[in-house]
Amino acid sequence: MSAIQWIVFAFILQVVHFLGTWKLYKVAGEAPWKAIVPIYNVIILLKIINRPKWWVFLLFLPVINLMIFMVLWVDTVKYFGK
């Protein structure tokens, strides 16, 4: 794939992520526009699932971020009763 194709692919992934997060924030009672701001959307998600805000820094650590993402996904699912 060329560089342009990778950029288009990354943009499509960001749009899909944004649309899913938009709906999630709307259901949680947060302002949906917060889903588009890159780091701020994680801070809002942590607020929704009652986790400390300093966890944002853990998402920047290479191996730890994989474990933190799993915890965030499970907590998000539990928050919405699934």
N, C-alpha and C. Protein backbone atom coordinates (compact mmCIF):
# COMPACT_ATOMS: atom_id res chain seq x y z
N MET A 1 0.85 -1.18 0.00
CA MET A 1 0.00 0.00 0.00
C MET A 1 0.89 1.24 0.00
N SER A 2 0.41 2.25 -0.67
CA SER A 2 1.16 3.50 -0.72
C SER A 2 0.85 4.32 0.54
N ALA A 3 1.59 5.39 0.70
CA ALA A 3 1.41 6.25 1.86
C ALA A 3 0.02 6.88 1.88
N ILE A 4 -0.47 7.26 0.73
CA ILE A 4 -1.81 7.86 0.64
C ILE A 4 -2.87 6.86 1.08
N GLN A 5 -2.73 5.62 0.66
CA GLN A 5 -3.69 4.59 1.05
C GLN A 5 -3.67 4.36 2.55
N TRP A 6 -2.49 4.38 3.17
CA TRP A 6 -2.40 4.23 4.62
C TRP A 6 -3.06 5.41 5.34
N ILE A 7 -2.88 6.59 4.81
CA ILE A 7 -3.50 7.78 5.42
C ILE A 7 -5.01 7.69 5.32
N VAL A 8 -5.52 7.28 4.16
CA VAL A 8 -6.96 7.13 3.99
C VAL A 8 -7.50 6.05 4.93
N PHE A 9 -6.77 4.94 5.04
CA PHE A 9 -7.17 3.86 5.95
C PHE A 9 -7.22 4.35 7.39
N ALA A 10 -6.19 5.07 7.83
CA ALA A 10 -6.16 5.60 9.20
C ALA A 10 -7.30 6.59 9.42
N PHE A 11 -7.60 7.41 8.44
CA PHE A 11 -8.70 8.37 8.55
C PHE A 11 -10.04 7.65 8.69
N ILE A 12 -10.24 6.59 7.91
CA ILE A 12 -11.48 5.82 8.00
C ILE A 12 -11.62 5.18 9.38
N LEU A 13 -10.52 4.65 9.91
CA LEU A 13 -10.56 4.08 11.26
C LEU A 13 -10.93 5.14 12.31
N GLN A 14 -10.38 6.33 12.16
CA GLN A 14 -10.68 7.40 13.11
C GLN A 14 -12.15 7.81 13.03
N VAL A 15 -12.70 7.85 11.83
CA VAL A 15 -14.11 8.21 11.67
C VAL A 15 -15.01 7.15 12.31
N VAL A 16 -14.70 5.88 12.09
CA VAL A 16 -15.49 4.80 12.69
C VAL A 16 -15.39 4.85 14.21
N HIS A 17 -14.19 5.07 14.72
CA HIS A 17 -14.01 5.18 16.18
C HIS A 17 -14.79 6.37 16.73
N PHE A 18 -14.73 7.48 16.04
CA PHE A 18 -15.45 8.68 16.48
C PHE A 18 -16.95 8.45 16.52
N LEU A 19 -17.50 7.80 15.49
CA LEU A 19 -18.95 7.57 15.46
C LEU A 19 -19.40 6.65 16.59
N GLY A 20 -18.62 5.63 16.89
CA GLY A 20 -18.96 4.73 18.00
C GLY A 20 -18.87 5.44 19.34
N THR A 21 -17.82 6.23 19.51
CA THR A 21 -17.64 6.95 20.76
C THR A 21 -18.70 8.03 20.92
N TRP A 22 -19.08 8.65 19.82
CA TRP A 22 -20.13 9.67 19.83
C TRP A 22 -21.41 9.10 20.43
N LYS A 23 -21.81 7.94 19.94
CA LYS A 23 -23.03 7.29 20.43
C LYS A 23 -22.88 6.87 21.88
N LEU A 24 -21.72 6.36 22.25
CA LEU A 24 -21.45 5.94 23.63
C LEU A 24 -21.59 7.12 24.59
N TYR A 25 -21.00 8.26 24.22
CA TYR A 25 -21.08 9.44 25.07
C TYR A 25 -22.51 9.96 25.18
N LYS A 26 -23.23 9.88 24.09
CA LYS A 26 -24.61 10.34 24.08
C LYS A 26 -25.45 9.52 25.06
N VAL A 27 -25.28 8.20 25.04
CA VAL A 27 -26.02 7.31 25.95
C VAL A 27 -25.60 7.54 27.39
N ALA A 28 -24.33 7.86 27.62
CA ALA A 28 -23.82 8.08 28.98
C ALA A 28 -24.20 9.45 29.54
N GLY A 29 -24.77 10.31 28.71
CA GLY A 29 -25.18 11.63 29.19
C GLY A 29 -24.11 12.69 29.07
N GLU A 30 -23.04 12.42 28.35
CA GLU A 30 -21.99 13.41 28.11
C GLU A 30 -22.26 14.11 26.79
N ALA A 31 -21.63 15.26 26.61
CA ALA A 31 -21.76 15.98 25.34
C ALA A 31 -21.02 15.20 24.26
N PRO A 32 -21.70 14.81 23.20
CA PRO A 32 -21.06 13.97 22.17
C PRO A 32 -19.87 14.60 21.46
N TRP A 33 -19.77 15.92 21.40
CA TRP A 33 -18.65 16.57 20.73
C TRP A 33 -17.33 16.24 21.40
N LYS A 34 -17.37 15.83 22.66
CA LYS A 34 -16.13 15.51 23.39
C LYS A 34 -15.44 14.28 22.82
N ALA A 35 -16.14 13.50 22.03
CA ALA A 35 -15.57 12.28 21.45
C ALA A 35 -14.54 12.58 20.36
N ILE A 36 -14.56 13.77 19.81
CA ILE A 36 -13.65 14.08 18.70
C ILE A 36 -12.29 14.59 19.18
N VAL A 37 -12.18 15.05 20.40
CA VAL A 37 -10.92 15.60 20.92
C VAL A 37 -10.05 14.43 21.40
N PRO A 38 -8.85 14.26 20.83
CA PRO A 38 -8.07 13.03 21.02
C PRO A 38 -7.82 12.55 22.45
N ILE A 39 -7.19 13.28 23.31
CA ILE A 39 -6.88 12.77 24.65
C ILE A 39 -8.05 13.03 25.60
N TYR A 40 -8.75 14.12 25.36
CA TYR A 40 -9.87 14.48 26.21
C TYR A 40 -10.97 13.41 26.18
N ASN A 41 -11.13 12.73 25.05
CA ASN A 41 -12.17 11.70 24.99
C ASN A 41 -11.86 10.53 25.92
N VAL A 42 -10.58 10.22 26.12
CA VAL A 42 -10.21 9.16 27.05
C VAL A 42 -10.46 9.61 28.49
N ILE A 43 -10.18 10.87 28.77
CA ILE A 43 -10.43 11.40 30.12
C ILE A 43 -11.93 11.33 30.43
N ILE A 44 -12.76 11.66 29.47
CA ILE A 44 -14.21 11.58 29.68
C ILE A 44 -14.65 10.13 29.86
N LEU A 45 -14.08 9.22 29.07
CA LEU A 45 -14.41 7.80 29.23
C LEU A 45 -14.04 7.32 30.63
N LEU A 46 -12.87 7.72 31.12
CA LEU A 46 -12.45 7.34 32.47
C LEU A 46 -13.42 7.91 33.51
N LYS A 47 -13.91 9.10 33.27
CA LYS A 47 -14.89 9.70 34.18
C LYS A 47 -16.19 8.91 34.16
N ILE A 48 -16.62 8.47 32.98
CA ILE A 48 -17.86 7.72 32.85
C ILE A 48 -17.79 6.41 33.62
N ILE A 49 -16.67 5.71 33.51
CA ILE A 49 -16.55 4.39 34.15
C ILE A 49 -15.91 4.45 35.53
N ASN A 50 -15.77 5.66 36.07
CA ASN A 50 -15.27 5.87 37.43
C ASN A 50 -13.87 5.31 37.66
N ARG A 51 -12.97 5.66 36.79
CA ARG A 51 -11.56 5.31 36.94
C ARG A 51 -10.76 6.60 37.10
N PRO A 52 -9.59 6.53 37.74
CA PRO A 52 -8.78 7.76 37.94
C PRO A 52 -8.24 8.31 36.63
N LYS A 53 -8.13 9.62 36.56
CA LYS A 53 -7.68 10.28 35.33
C LYS A 53 -6.21 10.01 35.01
N TRP A 54 -5.42 9.66 36.02
CA TRP A 54 -4.00 9.42 35.75
C TRP A 54 -3.78 8.16 34.93
N TRP A 55 -4.80 7.37 34.72
CA TRP A 55 -4.70 6.18 33.87
C TRP A 55 -4.40 6.56 32.42
N VAL A 56 -4.68 7.80 32.05
CA VAL A 56 -4.37 8.26 30.70
C VAL A 56 -2.88 8.05 30.42
N PHE A 57 -2.04 8.31 31.40
CA PHE A 57 -0.59 8.14 31.23
C PHE A 57 -0.21 6.68 31.00
N LEU A 58 -0.96 5.76 31.59
CA LEU A 58 -0.69 4.34 31.40
C LEU A 58 -0.94 3.91 29.96
N LEU A 59 -1.81 4.63 29.27
CA LEU A 59 -2.10 4.29 27.89
C LEU A 59 -0.95 4.62 26.94
N PHE A 60 0.03 5.38 27.42
CA PHE A 60 1.19 5.72 26.60
C PHE A 60 2.37 4.78 26.83
N LEU A 61 2.24 3.85 27.78
CA LEU A 61 3.31 2.89 28.04
C LEU A 61 3.10 1.65 27.18
N PRO A 62 4.12 1.21 26.46
CA PRO A 62 3.96 0.20 25.42
C PRO A 62 3.23 -1.09 25.77
N VAL A 63 3.59 -1.82 26.76
CA VAL A 63 2.93 -3.10 27.03
C VAL A 63 1.75 -2.92 27.98
N ILE A 64 1.89 -2.00 28.88
CA ILE A 64 0.84 -1.77 29.88
C ILE A 64 -0.44 -1.27 29.21
N ASN A 65 -0.31 -0.52 28.13
CA ASN A 65 -1.51 0.01 27.48
C ASN A 65 -2.43 -1.09 26.97
N LEU A 66 -1.89 -2.22 26.57
CA LEU A 66 -2.74 -3.32 26.12
C LEU A 66 -3.62 -3.85 27.26
N MET A 67 -3.02 -3.97 28.43
CA MET A 67 -3.79 -4.43 29.59
C MET A 67 -4.81 -3.39 30.02
N ILE A 68 -4.43 -2.13 30.00
CA ILE A 68 -5.33 -1.05 30.39
C ILE A 68 -6.52 -0.97 29.44
N PHE A 69 -6.27 -1.14 28.13
CA PHE A 69 -7.37 -1.13 27.17
C PHE A 69 -8.37 -2.24 27.47
N MET A 70 -7.88 -3.42 27.82
CA MET A 70 -8.79 -4.52 28.16
C MET A 70 -9.62 -4.18 29.39
N VAL A 71 -8.99 -3.60 30.39
CA VAL A 71 -9.72 -3.21 31.60
C VAL A 71 -10.77 -2.14 31.26
N LEU A 72 -10.40 -1.18 30.43
CA LEU A 72 -11.35 -0.13 30.05
C LEU A 72 -12.53 -0.71 29.29
N TRP A 73 -12.27 -1.65 28.38
CA TRP A 73 -13.36 -2.26 27.62
C TRP A 73 -14.31 -3.03 28.53
N VAL A 74 -13.75 -3.80 29.46
CA VAL A 74 -14.59 -4.57 30.38
C VAL A 74 -15.39 -3.64 31.28
N ASP A 75 -14.76 -2.60 31.80
CA ASP A 75 -15.47 -1.64 32.65
C ASP A 75 -16.56 -0.90 31.88
N THR A 76 -16.30 -0.58 30.62
CA THR A 76 -17.31 0.10 29.80
C THR A 76 -18.51 -0.81 29.58
N VAL A 77 -18.25 -2.08 29.30
CA VAL A 77 -19.34 -3.04 29.10
C VAL A 77 -20.14 -3.20 30.38
N LYS A 78 -19.45 -3.28 31.52
CA LYS A 78 -20.15 -3.41 32.81
C LYS A 78 -20.99 -2.16 33.11
N TYR A 79 -20.45 -0.98 32.77
CA TYR A 79 -21.17 0.27 33.04
C TYR A 79 -22.49 0.30 32.30
N PHE A 80 -22.50 -0.19 31.08
CA PHE A 80 -23.72 -0.16 30.29
C PHE A 80 -24.56 -1.41 30.45
N GLY A 81 -24.21 -2.27 31.42
CA GLY A 81 -25.05 -3.40 31.78
C GLY A 81 -25.07 -4.55 30.79
N LYS A 82 -24.00 -4.78 30.11
CA LYS A 82 -23.94 -5.88 29.14
C LYS A 82 -23.08 -7.01 29.68
